[in-house]
Amino acid sequence: MYKRVEDSTVESTQFISRVNSLLPRLEGLILIGVGLYVLLKH
């Protein structure tokens, strides 16, 4: 039982670190998208 809880904790930690490593890329894409949208709108 305890091992299962530990496994899920490790999994969620890995998931969080994966999300954190993806966030900067996502922010860059959003900024690029907004920039293109503004450029095309004018």
N, C-alpha and C. Protein backbone atom coordinates (compact mmCIF):
# COMPACT_ATOMS: atom_id res chain seq x y z
N MET A 1 0.84 -1.21 0.00
CA MET A 1 0.00 0.00 0.00
C MET A 1 0.88 1.26 0.00
N TYR A 2 1.85 1.27 0.91
CA TYR A 2 2.72 2.44 1.00
C TYR A 2 3.50 2.64 -0.29
N LYS A 3 3.94 1.53 -0.88
CA LYS A 3 4.73 1.62 -2.11
C LYS A 3 3.90 2.24 -3.23
N ARG A 4 2.62 1.88 -3.28
CA ARG A 4 1.75 2.42 -4.33
C ARG A 4 1.64 3.94 -4.20
N VAL A 5 1.48 4.41 -2.97
CA VAL A 5 1.39 5.86 -2.74
C VAL A 5 2.69 6.53 -3.18
N GLU A 6 3.82 5.88 -2.84
CA GLU A 6 5.13 6.43 -3.22
C GLU A 6 5.25 6.50 -4.73
N ASP A 7 4.81 5.44 -5.42
CA ASP A 7 4.88 5.41 -6.89
C ASP A 7 4.07 6.56 -7.48
N SER A 8 2.86 6.77 -6.98
CA SER A 8 2.01 7.82 -7.55
C SER A 8 2.63 9.20 -7.28
N THR A 9 3.30 9.33 -6.13
CA THR A 9 3.96 10.60 -5.82
C THR A 9 5.10 10.85 -6.79
N VAL A 10 5.88 9.81 -7.07
CA VAL A 10 6.99 9.93 -8.03
C VAL A 10 6.43 10.27 -9.40
N GLU A 11 5.34 9.61 -9.79
CA GLU A 11 4.73 9.86 -11.09
C GLU A 11 4.27 11.31 -11.20
N SER A 12 3.59 11.81 -10.17
CA SER A 12 3.09 13.19 -10.23
C SER A 12 4.26 14.18 -10.24
N THR A 13 5.34 13.84 -9.54
CA THR A 13 6.52 14.72 -9.55
C THR A 13 7.12 14.77 -10.94
N GLN A 14 7.22 13.61 -11.60
CA GLN A 14 7.75 13.57 -12.97
C GLN A 14 6.83 14.35 -13.89
N PHE A 15 5.52 14.21 -13.70
CA PHE A 15 4.55 14.91 -14.54
C PHE A 15 4.70 16.42 -14.37
N ILE A 16 4.86 16.86 -13.12
CA ILE A 16 5.00 18.29 -12.85
C ILE A 16 6.27 18.83 -13.49
N SER A 17 7.38 18.06 -13.40
CA SER A 17 8.63 18.53 -13.98
C SER A 17 8.52 18.58 -15.50
N ARG A 18 7.76 17.62 -16.07
CA ARG A 18 7.56 17.62 -17.52
C ARG A 18 6.76 18.84 -17.94
N VAL A 19 5.71 19.15 -17.18
CA VAL A 19 4.87 20.33 -17.48
C VAL A 19 5.72 21.60 -17.36
N ASN A 20 6.56 21.66 -16.32
CA ASN A 20 7.41 22.83 -16.12
C ASN A 20 8.38 23.02 -17.27
N SER A 21 8.89 21.90 -17.82
CA SER A 21 9.84 22.02 -18.93
C SER A 21 9.11 22.40 -20.22
N LEU A 22 7.81 22.10 -20.30
CA LEU A 22 7.05 22.43 -21.50
C LEU A 22 6.51 23.86 -21.46
N LEU A 23 6.31 24.40 -20.26
CA LEU A 23 5.70 25.72 -20.12
C LEU A 23 6.42 26.84 -20.87
N PRO A 24 7.75 26.97 -20.75
CA PRO A 24 8.43 28.05 -21.49
C PRO A 24 8.19 27.97 -22.98
N ARG A 25 8.21 26.75 -23.52
CA ARG A 25 7.98 26.57 -24.96
C ARG A 25 6.56 27.02 -25.30
N LEU A 26 5.61 26.65 -24.44
CA LEU A 26 4.21 27.01 -24.67
C LEU A 26 4.05 28.53 -24.64
N GLU A 27 4.69 29.16 -23.65
CA GLU A 27 4.61 30.62 -23.55
C GLU A 27 5.19 31.28 -24.79
N GLY A 28 6.30 30.74 -25.29
CA GLY A 28 6.91 31.28 -26.51
C GLY A 28 5.96 31.18 -27.68
N LEU A 29 5.31 30.01 -27.81
CA LEU A 29 4.37 29.82 -28.91
C LEU A 29 3.20 30.78 -28.81
N ILE A 30 2.70 30.99 -27.59
CA ILE A 30 1.58 31.91 -27.39
C ILE A 30 1.99 33.34 -27.76
N LEU A 31 3.19 33.73 -27.31
CA LEU A 31 3.68 35.08 -27.63
C LEU A 31 3.83 35.26 -29.13
N ILE A 32 4.39 34.24 -29.79
CA ILE A 32 4.55 34.31 -31.25
C ILE A 32 3.19 34.41 -31.92
N GLY A 33 2.24 33.60 -31.43
CA GLY A 33 0.89 33.61 -32.00
C GLY A 33 0.23 34.97 -31.84
N VAL A 34 0.35 35.56 -30.66
CA VAL A 34 -0.23 36.87 -30.40
C VAL A 34 0.44 37.93 -31.28
N GLY A 35 1.77 37.84 -31.39
CA GLY A 35 2.51 38.79 -32.21
C GLY A 35 2.07 38.73 -33.67
N LEU A 36 1.94 37.51 -34.20
CA LEU A 36 1.50 37.34 -35.58
C LEU A 36 0.08 37.87 -35.76
N TYR A 37 -0.78 37.57 -34.77
CA TYR A 37 -2.17 38.01 -34.85
C TYR A 37 -2.25 39.54 -34.90
N VAL A 38 -1.47 40.20 -34.06
CA VAL A 38 -1.47 41.66 -34.03
C VAL A 38 -0.93 42.22 -35.34
N LEU A 39 0.15 41.60 -35.85
CA LEU A 39 0.74 42.07 -37.12
C LEU A 39 -0.24 41.92 -38.27
N LEU A 40 -0.94 40.78 -38.31
CA LEU A 40 -1.86 40.52 -39.41
C LEU A 40 -3.12 41.38 -39.30
N LYS A 41 -3.49 41.73 -38.06
CA LYS A 41 -4.72 42.49 -37.85
C LYS A 41 -4.57 43.92 -38.35
N HIS A 42 -3.36 44.49 -38.22
CA HIS A 42 -3.16 45.89 -38.59
C HIS A 42 -3.03 46.08 -40.08
